[in-house]
Amino acid sequence: MTFPNDKTPPVAPEESERTLRFAGLPTFGRLPRIEDVKEANVAVVGVPFDSGVSYRPGARFGGNAIREASRMLRPYNPAQDVYPFHYSQVADAGDISANPFDINEAVETIEAAADGLLATDTRLMTLGGDHTIALPLLRSVAKKHGPVALLHFDAHLDTWDTYFGAEYTHGTPFRRAVEEGILDTSALSHVGTRGPLYGKQDLEDDEKLGFGIVTSADVMRRGVDEVIDQLRQRIGDRPLYISVDIDVLDPAHAPGTGTPEAGGMTSRELLEIIRGLSECRLVSADVVEVAPAYDHADITAVAASHVAYEMVSIMSKQMAPVYWTKP
């Protein structure tokens, strides 16, 4: 890859021949830290917060588990024909520390920190944490781009009203986001939903909010390519935010999560759908609900690291300066 003499190429991970993959700083993909680069086009940031969960806790440790699993990621992504860590500057921005004893304060802290990272021409790849964090992240992204299209991969709808009177939980972020006007309600989609609900009213309320649903059974019966075409048409050229709850995958592919549901998607299906959206205008994304205490042989963390890698690849290519040339 060549650059004009007056341009400095992005700081990329050191080659594995020089630094062992299992050694060195545990940043995502062995990337440089954000303080070690002039600016970041894509910032990978962790949010170790899981006080909004309704069942098994532990997602506060998810971000670092994903970082450890990402040590095996390599610089060339053949599925998208992109060098994500070379096309633009990608850096690890560390973690956002949010109060685990006060959800309202935590939401405000996450939003303010995201505002700071997005103040420049930067896109976020956030590693959760539980799904509560999607709301403050969407608030911050909407300040920059206006109401965004949302593609939500999850076993659950996450559009419930309250849990025990609490408005901010991991099951309520997208109802709050619709209520606040930060989502484009003509371009909202759930993918991979399944399992029992509290009642049929859950689906009726979700439809009123503007969401379309592609269940995990739909993906199996209709196939990945047809689902991709449907999602592309719904998203159009709108700014897009992708939120991935790792429990969208079947527990066989992601046992390390707080609210597992049988009958989920495979990791291959999830990765292929994301790759099929590479021409959509992805402005930021998150991967949440990785709970390593319930994981086996890092199955869940590995899957999550590859999901994040695909979304970083999309954003990096879209953010690439006009002066680079492919090798």
C-alpha atoms as a PDB file:
ATOM      1  CA  MET A   1       0.000   0.000   0.000  1.00  0.00           C
ATOM      2  CA  THR A   2       1.477   3.341  -0.992  1.00  0.00           C
ATOM      3  CA  PHE A   3       0.945   6.848   0.325  1.00  0.00           C
ATOM      4  CA  PRO A   4       2.041  10.256  -0.997  1.00  0.00           C
ATOM      5  CA  ASN A   5       5.224  11.593   0.562  1.00  0.00           C
ATOM      6  CA  ASP A   6       3.328  14.125   2.680  1.00  0.00           C
ATOM      7  CA  LYS A   7       0.977  11.549   4.143  1.00  0.00           C
ATOM      8  CA  THR A   8       1.656   9.168   7.016  1.00  0.00           C
ATOM      9  CA  PRO A   9       0.126   5.709   6.800  1.00  0.00           C
ATOM     10  CA  PRO A  10      -2.043   4.534   9.687  1.00  0.00           C
ATOM     11  CA  VAL A  11      -0.362   2.932  12.676  1.00  0.00           C
ATOM     12  CA  ALA A  12      -1.211  -0.746  12.291  1.00  0.00           C
ATOM     13  CA  PRO A  13      -0.660  -3.774  14.543  1.00  0.00           C
ATOM     14  CA  GLU A  14       2.880  -5.105  14.551  1.00  0.00           C
ATOM     15  CA  GLU A  15       3.434  -8.130  12.353  1.00  0.00           C
ATOM     16  CA  SER A  16       3.168 -11.428  14.225  1.00  0.00           C
ATOM     17  CA  GLU A  17       6.696 -12.320  13.077  1.00  0.00           C
ATOM     18  CA  ARG A  18       7.938  -9.460  15.271  1.00  0.00           C
ATOM     19  CA  THR A  19       5.571  -9.644  18.243  1.00  0.00           C
ATOM     20  CA  LEU A  20       3.962 -12.906  19.308  1.00  0.00           C
ATOM     21  CA  ARG A  21       0.175 -12.851  19.089  1.00  0.00           C
ATOM     22  CA  PHE A  22      -0.133 -14.025  22.693  1.00  0.00           C
ATOM     23  CA  ALA A  23       2.234 -11.314  23.962  1.00  0.00           C
ATOM     24  CA  GLY A  24       1.986  -7.552  24.257  1.00  0.00           C
ATOM     25  CA  LEU A  25      -0.817  -5.191  25.170  1.00  0.00           C
ATOM     26  CA  PRO A  26      -4.315  -6.763  25.072  1.00  0.00           C
ATOM     27  CA  THR A  27      -5.861  -4.226  22.708  1.00  0.00           C
ATOM     28  CA  PHE A  28      -8.461  -5.197  20.114  1.00  0.00           C
ATOM     29  CA  GLY A  29      -6.676  -6.871  17.205  1.00  0.00           C
ATOM     30  CA  ARG A  30      -3.360  -5.815  18.796  1.00  0.00           C
ATOM     31  CA  LEU A  31      -4.095  -2.278  17.598  1.00  0.00           C
ATOM     32  CA  PRO A  32      -2.350   0.836  18.886  1.00  0.00           C
ATOM     33  CA  ARG A  33      -3.946   2.660  21.793  1.00  0.00           C
ATOM     34  CA  ILE A  34      -5.810   5.819  20.868  1.00  0.00           C
ATOM     35  CA  GLU A  35      -3.325   7.981  22.789  1.00  0.00           C
ATOM     36  CA  ASP A  36      -0.550   6.639  20.537  1.00  0.00           C
ATOM     37  CA  VAL A  37      -2.051   7.922  17.265  1.00  0.00           C
ATOM     38  CA  LYS A  38      -2.770  11.433  15.992  1.00  0.00           C
ATOM     39  CA  GLU A  39      -6.441  10.691  15.370  1.00  0.00           C
ATOM     40  CA  ALA A  40      -8.681   7.667  14.952  1.00  0.00           C
ATOM     41  CA  ASN A  41     -11.123   7.094  12.124  1.00  0.00           C
ATOM     42  CA  VAL A  42     -12.547   4.076  13.947  1.00  0.00           C
ATOM     43  CA  ALA A  43     -12.275   3.795  17.730  1.00  0.00           C
ATOM     44  CA  VAL A  44     -12.809   0.451  19.441  1.00  0.00           C
ATOM     45  CA  VAL A  45     -14.048   1.173  22.963  1.00  0.00           C
ATOM     46  CA  GLY A  46     -15.159  -1.049  25.809  1.00  0.00           C
ATOM     47  CA  VAL A  47     -18.036  -0.424  28.218  1.00  0.00           C
ATOM     48  CA  PRO A  48     -17.687  -2.835  31.171  1.00  0.00           C
ATOM     49  CA  PHE A  49     -21.213  -2.335  32.493  1.00  0.00           C
ATOM     50  CA  ASP A  50     -23.828  -5.008  33.214  1.00  0.00           C
ATOM     51  CA  SER A  51     -26.080  -3.572  35.908  1.00  0.00           C
ATOM     52  CA  GLY A  52     -29.052  -3.629  33.522  1.00  0.00           C
ATOM     53  CA  VAL A  53     -29.267  -7.414  33.117  1.00  0.00           C
ATOM     54  CA  SER A  54     -32.391  -9.369  34.044  1.00  0.00           C
ATOM     55  CA  TYR A  55     -30.873 -12.840  34.399  1.00  0.00           C
ATOM     56  CA  ARG A  56     -27.190 -13.869  34.472  1.00  0.00           C
ATOM     57  CA  PRO A  57     -24.628 -11.100  35.117  1.00  0.00           C
ATOM     58  CA  GLY A  58     -21.037 -11.056  33.888  1.00  0.00           C
ATOM     59  CA  ALA A  59     -21.083  -9.049  30.632  1.00  0.00           C
ATOM     60  CA  ARG A  60     -18.944  -6.387  32.333  1.00  0.00           C
ATOM     61  CA  PHE A  61     -16.035  -8.696  31.533  1.00  0.00           C
ATOM     62  CA  GLY A  62     -17.072  -9.153  27.895  1.00  0.00           C
ATOM     63  CA  GLY A  63     -15.001  -6.398  26.336  1.00  0.00           C
ATOM     64  CA  ASN A  64     -11.704  -7.710  27.605  1.00  0.00           C
ATOM     65  CA  ALA A  65     -12.636 -11.280  26.650  1.00  0.00           C
ATOM     66  CA  ILE A  66     -13.309 -10.067  23.102  1.00  0.00           C
ATOM     67  CA  ARG A  67      -9.986  -8.240  23.069  1.00  0.00           C
ATOM     68  CA  GLU A  68      -8.127 -11.391  24.135  1.00  0.00           C
ATOM     69  CA  ALA A  69      -9.892 -13.466  21.491  1.00  0.00           C
ATOM     70  CA  SER A  70      -9.099 -10.832  18.852  1.00  0.00           C
ATOM     71  CA  ARG A  71      -5.368 -11.535  19.092  1.00  0.00           C
ATOM     72  CA  MET A  72      -5.855 -14.070  16.292  1.00  0.00           C
ATOM     73  CA  LEU A  73      -7.319 -11.525  13.858  1.00  0.00           C
ATOM     74  CA  ARG A  74      -5.086 -10.861  10.853  1.00  0.00           C
ATOM     75  CA  PRO A  75      -4.590  -7.729   8.749  1.00  0.00           C
ATOM     76  CA  TYR A  76      -6.344  -8.865   5.558  1.00  0.00           C
ATOM     77  CA  ASN A  77     -10.060  -9.661   5.458  1.00  0.00           C
ATOM     78  CA  PRO A  78     -10.571 -11.794   2.324  1.00  0.00           C
ATOM     79  CA  ALA A  79     -14.353 -11.939   2.704  1.00  0.00           C
ATOM     80  CA  GLN A  80     -14.540  -8.175   2.130  1.00  0.00           C
ATOM     81  CA  ASP A  81     -11.220  -7.757   0.257  1.00  0.00           C
ATOM     82  CA  VAL A  82     -10.113  -5.096   2.720  1.00  0.00           C
ATOM     83  CA  TYR A  83      -7.156  -4.359   4.990  1.00  0.00           C
ATOM     84  CA  PRO A  84      -9.171  -2.845   7.854  1.00  0.00           C
ATOM     85  CA  PHE A  85      -6.208  -1.771   9.965  1.00  0.00           C
ATOM     86  CA  HIS A  86      -4.396  -0.173   7.029  1.00  0.00           C
ATOM     87  CA  TYR A  87      -7.100   1.619   5.055  1.00  0.00           C
ATOM     88  CA  SER A  88      -7.790   4.068   7.862  1.00  0.00           C
ATOM     89  CA  GLN A  89      -6.625   4.611  11.410  1.00  0.00           C
ATOM     90  CA  VAL A  90      -8.232   2.152  13.798  1.00  0.00           C
ATOM     91  CA  ALA A  91      -7.284   2.379  17.468  1.00  0.00           C
ATOM     92  CA  ASP A  92      -8.314   0.949  20.820  1.00  0.00           C
ATOM     93  CA  ALA A  93      -9.797   3.683  23.011  1.00  0.00           C
ATOM     94  CA  GLY A  94      -9.777   1.657  26.221  1.00  0.00           C
ATOM     95  CA  ASP A  95     -12.848   1.501  28.436  1.00  0.00           C
ATOM     96  CA  ILE A  96     -15.599   3.883  29.510  1.00  0.00           C
ATOM     97  CA  SER A  97     -15.974   3.592  33.294  1.00  0.00           C
ATOM     98  CA  ALA A  98     -19.663   3.800  34.226  1.00  0.00           C
ATOM     99  CA  ASN A  99     -21.112   3.677  37.740  1.00  0.00           C
ATOM    100  CA  PRO A 100     -22.289   0.063  38.334  1.00  0.00           C
ATOM    101  CA  PHE A 101     -24.529   1.155  41.235  1.00  0.00           C
ATOM    102  CA  ASP A 102     -26.539   3.856  39.429  1.00  0.00           C
ATOM    103  CA  ILE A 103     -27.943   3.037  35.990  1.00  0.00           C
ATOM    104  CA  ASN A 104     -29.129   6.588  35.281  1.00  0.00           C
ATOM    105  CA  GLU A 105     -25.701   8.005  36.025  1.00  0.00           C
ATOM    106  CA  ALA A 106     -24.036   5.254  34.014  1.00  0.00           C
ATOM    107  CA  VAL A 107     -26.183   6.042  30.964  1.00  0.00           C
ATOM    108  CA  GLU A 108     -25.208   9.717  31.213  1.00  0.00           C
ATOM    109  CA  THR A 109     -21.513   8.836  31.580  1.00  0.00           C
ATOM    110  CA  ILE A 110     -21.533   6.560  28.530  1.00  0.00           C
ATOM    111  CA  GLU A 111     -23.305   9.172  26.421  1.00  0.00           C
ATOM    112  CA  ALA A 112     -20.839  11.906  27.415  1.00  0.00           C
ATOM    113  CA  ALA A 113     -17.828   9.686  26.711  1.00  0.00           C
ATOM    114  CA  ALA A 114     -19.243   8.676  23.320  1.00  0.00           C
ATOM    115  CA  ASP A 115     -19.840  12.365  22.546  1.00  0.00           C
ATOM    116  CA  GLY A 116     -16.157  13.009  23.173  1.00  0.00           C
ATOM    117  CA  LEU A 117     -14.999  10.196  20.914  1.00  0.00           C
ATOM    118  CA  LEU A 118     -17.416  11.183  18.133  1.00  0.00           C
ATOM    119  CA  ALA A 119     -16.484  14.882  18.319  1.00  0.00           C
ATOM    120  CA  THR A 120     -13.978  14.339  15.506  1.00  0.00           C
ATOM    121  CA  ASP A 121     -14.564  12.390  12.292  1.00  0.00           C
ATOM    122  CA  THR A 122     -14.663   9.069  14.162  1.00  0.00           C
ATOM    123  CA  ARG A 123     -16.928   6.037  14.188  1.00  0.00           C
ATOM    124  CA  LEU A 124     -17.316   3.752  17.199  1.00  0.00           C
ATOM    125  CA  MET A 125     -17.039  -0.008  17.510  1.00  0.00           C
ATOM    126  CA  THR A 126     -18.209  -0.582  21.074  1.00  0.00           C
ATOM    127  CA  LEU A 127     -17.617  -3.768  23.049  1.00  0.00           C
ATOM    128  CA  GLY A 128     -20.125  -4.346  25.868  1.00  0.00           C
ATOM    129  CA  GLY A 129     -21.281  -4.737  28.497  1.00  0.00           C
ATOM    130  CA  ASP A 130     -24.993  -5.405  28.487  1.00  0.00           C
ATOM    131  CA  HIS A 131     -27.516  -4.026  26.012  1.00  0.00           C
ATOM    132  CA  THR A 132     -28.442  -1.082  28.214  1.00  0.00           C
ATOM    133  CA  ILE A 133     -25.431   0.709  26.736  1.00  0.00           C
ATOM    134  CA  ALA A 134     -27.015   0.876  23.262  1.00  0.00           C
ATOM    135  CA  LEU A 135     -29.306   3.729  24.297  1.00  0.00           C
ATOM    136  CA  PRO A 136     -26.629   6.280  25.283  1.00  0.00           C
ATOM    137  CA  LEU A 137     -24.556   5.253  22.266  1.00  0.00           C
ATOM    138  CA  LEU A 138     -27.512   5.843  19.942  1.00  0.00           C
ATOM    139  CA  ARG A 139     -28.181   9.205  21.572  1.00  0.00           C
ATOM    140  CA  SER A 140     -24.608  10.245  20.843  1.00  0.00           C
ATOM    141  CA  VAL A 141     -24.622   8.961  17.247  1.00  0.00           C
ATOM    142  CA  ALA A 142     -27.944  10.710  16.558  1.00  0.00           C
ATOM    143  CA  LYS A 143     -26.501  14.035  17.677  1.00  0.00           C
ATOM    144  CA  LYS A 144     -24.010  13.691  14.844  1.00  0.00           C
ATOM    145  CA  HIS A 145     -26.084  12.030  12.117  1.00  0.00           C
ATOM    146  CA  GLY A 146     -29.702  12.648  13.050  1.00  0.00           C
ATOM    147  CA  PRO A 147     -32.130   9.733  13.485  1.00  0.00           C
ATOM    148  CA  VAL A 148     -30.392   6.568  12.286  1.00  0.00           C
ATOM    149  CA  ALA A 149     -31.505   3.284  10.783  1.00  0.00           C
ATOM    150  CA  LEU A 150     -31.096   0.442  13.268  1.00  0.00           C
ATOM    151  CA  LEU A 151     -30.238  -3.158  12.523  1.00  0.00           C
ATOM    152  CA  HIS A 152     -30.606  -5.133  15.740  1.00  0.00           C
ATOM    153  CA  PHE A 153     -29.308  -8.713  15.905  1.00  0.00           C
ATOM    154  CA  ASP A 154     -30.747 -10.379  19.010  1.00  0.00           C
ATOM    155  CA  ALA A 155     -32.744 -13.323  20.314  1.00  0.00           C
ATOM    156  CA  HIS A 156     -34.953 -10.774  22.066  1.00  0.00           C
ATOM    157  CA  LEU A 157     -36.864  -7.662  21.020  1.00  0.00           C
ATOM    158  CA  ASP A 158     -35.432  -5.309  23.683  1.00  0.00           C
ATOM    159  CA  THR A 159     -38.449  -3.039  23.231  1.00  0.00           C
ATOM    160  CA  TRP A 160     -40.140  -3.773  26.536  1.00  0.00           C
ATOM    161  CA  ASP A 161     -41.326  -0.813  28.584  1.00  0.00           C
ATOM    162  CA  THR A 162     -39.931  -1.377  32.092  1.00  0.00           C
ATOM    163  CA  TYR A 163     -38.559  -4.078  34.389  1.00  0.00           C
ATOM    164  CA  PHE A 164     -39.638  -3.663  38.027  1.00  0.00           C
ATOM    165  CA  GLY A 165     -40.382  -0.031  37.191  1.00  0.00           C
ATOM    166  CA  ALA A 166     -36.909   0.620  35.743  1.00  0.00           C
ATOM    167  CA  GLU A 167     -36.885   2.393  32.365  1.00  0.00           C
ATOM    168  CA  TYR A 168     -33.209   1.701  31.652  1.00  0.00           C
ATOM    169  CA  THR A 169     -32.406  -2.024  31.400  1.00  0.00           C
ATOM    170  CA  HIS A 170     -30.963  -4.339  28.777  1.00  0.00           C
ATOM    171  CA  GLY A 171     -34.500  -5.163  27.612  1.00  0.00           C
ATOM    172  CA  THR A 172     -35.711  -1.595  27.042  1.00  0.00           C
ATOM    173  CA  PRO A 173     -33.130   0.446  25.068  1.00  0.00           C
ATOM    174  CA  PHE A 174     -34.875   0.501  21.710  1.00  0.00           C
ATOM    175  CA  ARG A 175     -38.292   1.499  23.060  1.00  0.00           C
ATOM    176  CA  ARG A 176     -36.587   4.446  24.764  1.00  0.00           C
ATOM    177  CA  ALA A 177     -34.699   5.248  21.548  1.00  0.00           C
ATOM    178  CA  VAL A 178     -37.917   5.344  19.498  1.00  0.00           C
ATOM    179  CA  GLU A 179     -39.633   7.461  22.147  1.00  0.00           C
ATOM    180  CA  GLU A 180     -36.731   9.936  22.070  1.00  0.00           C
ATOM    181  CA  GLY A 181     -36.850  10.283  18.282  1.00  0.00           C
ATOM    182  CA  ILE A 182     -33.264   9.164  17.709  1.00  0.00           C
ATOM    183  CA  LEU A 183     -34.167   6.274  15.378  1.00  0.00           C
ATOM    184  CA  ASP A 184     -35.498   6.456  11.828  1.00  0.00           C
ATOM    185  CA  THR A 185     -38.697   4.464  12.320  1.00  0.00           C
ATOM    186  CA  SER A 186     -38.939   3.683   8.615  1.00  0.00           C
ATOM    187  CA  ALA A 187     -35.749   1.606   8.818  1.00  0.00           C
ATOM    188  CA  LEU A 188     -35.805  -0.527  11.972  1.00  0.00           C
ATOM    189  CA  SER A 189     -35.143  -4.266  11.882  1.00  0.00           C
ATOM    190  CA  HIS A 190     -34.692  -7.103  14.352  1.00  0.00           C
ATOM    191  CA  VAL A 191     -32.817 -10.142  13.054  1.00  0.00           C
ATOM    192  CA  GLY A 192     -32.550 -13.514  14.770  1.00  0.00           C
ATOM    193  CA  THR A 193     -35.381 -13.165  17.295  1.00  0.00           C
ATOM    194  CA  ARG A 194     -36.904 -16.325  18.734  1.00  0.00           C
ATOM    195  CA  GLY A 195     -38.153 -17.958  21.903  1.00  0.00           C
ATOM    196  CA  PRO A 196     -41.081 -17.431  24.277  1.00  0.00           C
ATOM    197  CA  LEU A 197     -42.510 -13.988  25.054  1.00  0.00           C
ATOM    198  CA  TYR A 198     -44.589 -12.591  27.902  1.00  0.00           C
ATOM    199  CA  GLY A 199     -47.530 -12.307  25.538  1.00  0.00           C
ATOM    200  CA  LYS A 200     -48.629 -11.516  21.989  1.00  0.00           C
ATOM    201  CA  GLN A 201     -48.822  -7.868  23.046  1.00  0.00           C
ATOM    202  CA  ASP A 202     -45.003  -7.779  22.953  1.00  0.00           C
ATOM    203  CA  LEU A 203     -45.084  -8.295  19.186  1.00  0.00           C
ATOM    204  CA  GLU A 204     -47.933  -5.853  18.682  1.00  0.00           C
ATOM    205  CA  ASP A 205     -46.144  -3.134  20.657  1.00  0.00           C
ATOM    206  CA  ASP A 206     -42.928  -3.801  18.748  1.00  0.00           C
ATOM    207  CA  GLU A 207     -44.703  -3.416  15.403  1.00  0.00           C
ATOM    208  CA  LYS A 208     -46.259  -0.119  16.525  1.00  0.00           C
ATOM    209  CA  LEU A 209     -42.745   1.175  17.260  1.00  0.00           C
ATOM    210  CA  GLY A 210     -41.843   0.542  13.612  1.00  0.00           C
ATOM    211  CA  PHE A 211     -39.750  -2.627  13.750  1.00  0.00           C
ATOM    212  CA  GLY A 212     -39.698  -5.345  11.150  1.00  0.00           C
ATOM    213  CA  ILE A 213     -38.711  -8.829  12.296  1.00  0.00           C
ATOM    214  CA  VAL A 214     -36.596 -11.506  10.640  1.00  0.00           C
ATOM    215  CA  THR A 215     -36.599 -14.481  13.002  1.00  0.00           C
ATOM    216  CA  SER A 216     -33.809 -17.041  13.217  1.00  0.00           C
ATOM    217  CA  ALA A 217     -36.216 -19.493  11.553  1.00  0.00           C
ATOM    218  CA  ASP A 218     -36.682 -16.998   8.689  1.00  0.00           C
ATOM    219  CA  VAL A 219     -32.926 -16.921   8.151  1.00  0.00           C
ATOM    220  CA  MET A 220     -32.852 -20.719   8.032  1.00  0.00           C
ATOM    221  CA  ARG A 221     -35.818 -21.081   5.666  1.00  0.00           C
ATOM    222  CA  ARG A 222     -35.253 -18.106   3.357  1.00  0.00           C
ATOM    223  CA  GLY A 223     -31.477 -18.088   3.306  1.00  0.00           C
ATOM    224  CA  VAL A 224     -28.879 -15.425   3.947  1.00  0.00           C
ATOM    225  CA  ASP A 225     -28.942 -13.812   0.500  1.00  0.00           C
ATOM    226  CA  GLU A 226     -32.665 -13.123   0.558  1.00  0.00           C
ATOM    227  CA  VAL A 227     -32.433 -11.686   4.069  1.00  0.00           C
ATOM    228  CA  ILE A 228     -29.577  -9.414   3.010  1.00  0.00           C
ATOM    229  CA  ASP A 229     -31.602  -8.095   0.079  1.00  0.00           C
ATOM    230  CA  GLN A 230     -34.565  -7.349   2.355  1.00  0.00           C
ATOM    231  CA  LEU A 231     -32.380  -5.517   4.876  1.00  0.00           C
ATOM    232  CA  ARG A 232     -30.608  -3.472   2.191  1.00  0.00           C
ATOM    233  CA  GLN A 233     -33.933  -2.289   0.815  1.00  0.00           C
ATOM    234  CA  ARG A 234     -35.142  -1.315   4.280  1.00  0.00           C
ATOM    235  CA  ILE A 235     -31.925   0.516   5.200  1.00  0.00           C
ATOM    236  CA  GLY A 236     -31.402   2.300   1.888  1.00  0.00           C
ATOM    237  CA  ASP A 237     -28.804   5.072   2.036  1.00  0.00           C
ATOM    238  CA  ARG A 238     -29.635   6.117   5.597  1.00  0.00           C
ATOM    239  CA  PRO A 239     -26.904   6.309   8.250  1.00  0.00           C
ATOM    240  CA  LEU A 240     -26.926   2.882   9.895  1.00  0.00           C
ATOM    241  CA  TYR A 241     -26.202   1.705  13.425  1.00  0.00           C
ATOM    242  CA  ILE A 242     -25.771  -2.048  13.977  1.00  0.00           C
ATOM    243  CA  SER A 243     -26.277  -3.481  17.453  1.00  0.00           C
ATOM    244  CA  VAL A 244     -25.332  -7.123  17.977  1.00  0.00           C
ATOM    245  CA  ASP A 245     -26.400  -8.997  21.075  1.00  0.00           C
ATOM    246  CA  ILE A 246     -24.255 -12.116  20.909  1.00  0.00           C
ATOM    247  CA  ASP A 247     -27.227 -14.201  22.081  1.00  0.00           C
ATOM    248  CA  VAL A 248     -28.549 -13.883  18.530  1.00  0.00           C
ATOM    249  CA  LEU A 249     -26.328 -16.914  17.994  1.00  0.00           C
ATOM    250  CA  ASP A 250     -27.456 -20.338  19.095  1.00  0.00           C
ATOM    251  CA  PRO A 251     -25.980 -21.381  22.464  1.00  0.00           C
ATOM    252  CA  ALA A 252     -23.922 -23.923  20.522  1.00  0.00           C
ATOM    253  CA  HIS A 253     -22.113 -20.960  18.953  1.00  0.00           C
ATOM    254  CA  ALA A 254     -22.324 -18.550  21.899  1.00  0.00           C
ATOM    255  CA  PRO A 255     -22.790 -20.247  25.293  1.00  0.00           C
ATOM    256  CA  GLY A 256     -21.175 -17.332  27.132  1.00  0.00           C
ATOM    257  CA  THR A 257     -24.107 -14.971  27.417  1.00  0.00           C
ATOM    258  CA  GLY A 258     -26.623 -13.956  30.044  1.00  0.00           C
ATOM    259  CA  THR A 259     -29.958 -14.922  28.470  1.00  0.00           C
ATOM    260  CA  PRO A 260     -29.398 -17.800  26.022  1.00  0.00           C
ATOM    261  CA  GLU A 261     -32.253 -19.068  23.823  1.00  0.00           C
ATOM    262  CA  ALA A 262     -32.322 -22.309  21.821  1.00  0.00           C
ATOM    263  CA  GLY A 263     -32.753 -22.267  18.046  1.00  0.00           C
ATOM    264  CA  GLY A 264     -30.463 -19.397  17.127  1.00  0.00           C
ATOM    265  CA  MET A 265     -28.401 -18.428  14.124  1.00  0.00           C
ATOM    266  CA  THR A 266     -24.987 -19.855  13.352  1.00  0.00           C
ATOM    267  CA  SER A 267     -21.911 -17.667  13.494  1.00  0.00           C
ATOM    268  CA  ARG A 268     -21.487 -18.217   9.745  1.00  0.00           C
ATOM    269  CA  GLU A 269     -24.975 -16.853   9.040  1.00  0.00           C
ATOM    270  CA  LEU A 270     -24.394 -13.785  11.203  1.00  0.00           C
ATOM    271  CA  LEU A 271     -21.029 -12.998   9.625  1.00  0.00           C
ATOM    272  CA  GLU A 272     -22.386 -13.442   6.097  1.00  0.00           C
ATOM    273  CA  ILE A 273     -25.314 -11.095   6.711  1.00  0.00           C
ATOM    274  CA  ILE A 274     -23.003  -8.405   8.081  1.00  0.00           C
ATOM    275  CA  ARG A 275     -20.636  -8.806   5.122  1.00  0.00           C
ATOM    276  CA  GLY A 276     -23.598  -8.470   2.784  1.00  0.00           C
ATOM    277  CA  LEU A 277     -24.269  -5.004   4.187  1.00  0.00           C
ATOM    278  CA  SER A 278     -20.794  -3.667   3.427  1.00  0.00           C
ATOM    279  CA  GLU A 279     -22.151  -1.003   1.071  1.00  0.00           C
ATOM    280  CA  CYS A 280     -24.523   0.397   3.718  1.00  0.00           C
ATOM    281  CA  ARG A 281     -23.409   3.590   5.494  1.00  0.00           C
ATOM    282  CA  LEU A 282     -22.387   2.113   8.829  1.00  0.00           C
ATOM    283  CA  VAL A 283     -21.765   5.021  11.206  1.00  0.00           C
ATOM    284  CA  SER A 284     -21.155   3.049  14.428  1.00  0.00           C
ATOM    285  CA  ALA A 285     -21.852  -0.348  15.968  1.00  0.00           C
ATOM    286  CA  ASP A 286     -21.736  -2.428  19.119  1.00  0.00           C
ATOM    287  CA  VAL A 287     -21.335  -6.054  20.207  1.00  0.00           C
ATOM    288  CA  VAL A 288     -22.799  -6.753  23.635  1.00  0.00           C
ATOM    289  CA  GLU A 289     -23.784  -9.410  26.187  1.00  0.00           C
ATOM    290  CA  VAL A 290     -20.615 -11.534  26.038  1.00  0.00           C
ATOM    291  CA  ALA A 291     -20.371 -13.067  29.525  1.00  0.00           C
ATOM    292  CA  PRO A 292     -17.117 -15.046  29.676  1.00  0.00           C
ATOM    293  CA  ALA A 293     -17.930 -16.806  32.963  1.00  0.00           C
ATOM    294  CA  TYR A 294     -20.367 -19.012  31.016  1.00  0.00           C
ATOM    295  CA  ASP A 295     -18.136 -19.441  27.965  1.00  0.00           C
ATOM    296  CA  HIS A 296     -16.294 -22.612  26.928  1.00  0.00           C
ATOM    297  CA  ALA A 297     -12.924 -22.515  25.144  1.00  0.00           C
ATOM    298  CA  ASP A 298     -13.609 -18.847  24.265  1.00  0.00           C
ATOM    299  CA  ILE A 299     -16.275 -19.901  21.739  1.00  0.00           C
ATOM    300  CA  THR A 300     -18.405 -16.814  22.388  1.00  0.00           C
ATOM    301  CA  ALA A 301     -15.522 -14.363  22.605  1.00  0.00           C
ATOM    302  CA  VAL A 302     -14.031 -15.642  19.349  1.00  0.00           C
ATOM    303  CA  ALA A 303     -17.373 -15.262  17.573  1.00  0.00           C
ATOM    304  CA  ALA A 304     -17.798 -11.750  18.970  1.00  0.00           C
ATOM    305  CA  SER A 305     -14.292 -10.708  17.937  1.00  0.00           C
ATOM    306  CA  HIS A 306     -14.966 -11.782  14.353  1.00  0.00           C
ATOM    307  CA  VAL A 307     -18.316  -9.985  14.307  1.00  0.00           C
ATOM    308  CA  ALA A 308     -16.599  -6.791  15.484  1.00  0.00           C
ATOM    309  CA  TYR A 309     -13.807  -7.313  12.917  1.00  0.00           C
ATOM    310  CA  GLU A 310     -16.330  -7.463  10.065  1.00  0.00           C
ATOM    311  CA  MET A 311     -17.977  -4.229  11.184  1.00  0.00           C
ATOM    312  CA  VAL A 312     -14.617  -2.511  11.690  1.00  0.00           C
ATOM    313  CA  SER A 313     -13.739  -3.639   8.153  1.00  0.00           C
ATOM    314  CA  ILE A 314     -16.850  -1.947   6.763  1.00  0.00           C
ATOM    315  CA  MET A 315     -16.256   1.305   8.646  1.00  0.00           C
ATOM    316  CA  SER A 316     -12.526   1.387   7.906  1.00  0.00           C
ATOM    317  CA  LYS A 317     -13.051   0.999   4.166  1.00  0.00           C
ATOM    318  CA  GLN A 318     -15.726   3.700   4.163  1.00  0.00           C
ATOM    319  CA  MET A 319     -13.513   6.046   6.193  1.00  0.00           C
ATOM    320  CA  ALA A 320     -10.384   5.449   4.125  1.00  0.00           C
ATOM    321  CA  PRO A 321      -8.634   8.589   2.866  1.00  0.00           C
ATOM    322  CA  VAL A 322      -8.866   9.177  -0.856  1.00  0.00           C
ATOM    323  CA  TYR A 323      -5.102   8.989  -1.313  1.00  0.00           C
ATOM    324  CA  TRP A 324      -4.476   5.330  -0.464  1.00  0.00           C
ATOM    325  CA  THR A 325      -3.969   2.669  -3.109  1.00  0.00           C
ATOM    326  CA  LYS A 326      -4.516  -1.028  -2.651  1.00  0.00           C
ATOM    327  CA  PRO A 327      -1.389  -3.221  -2.534  1.00  0.00           C
END
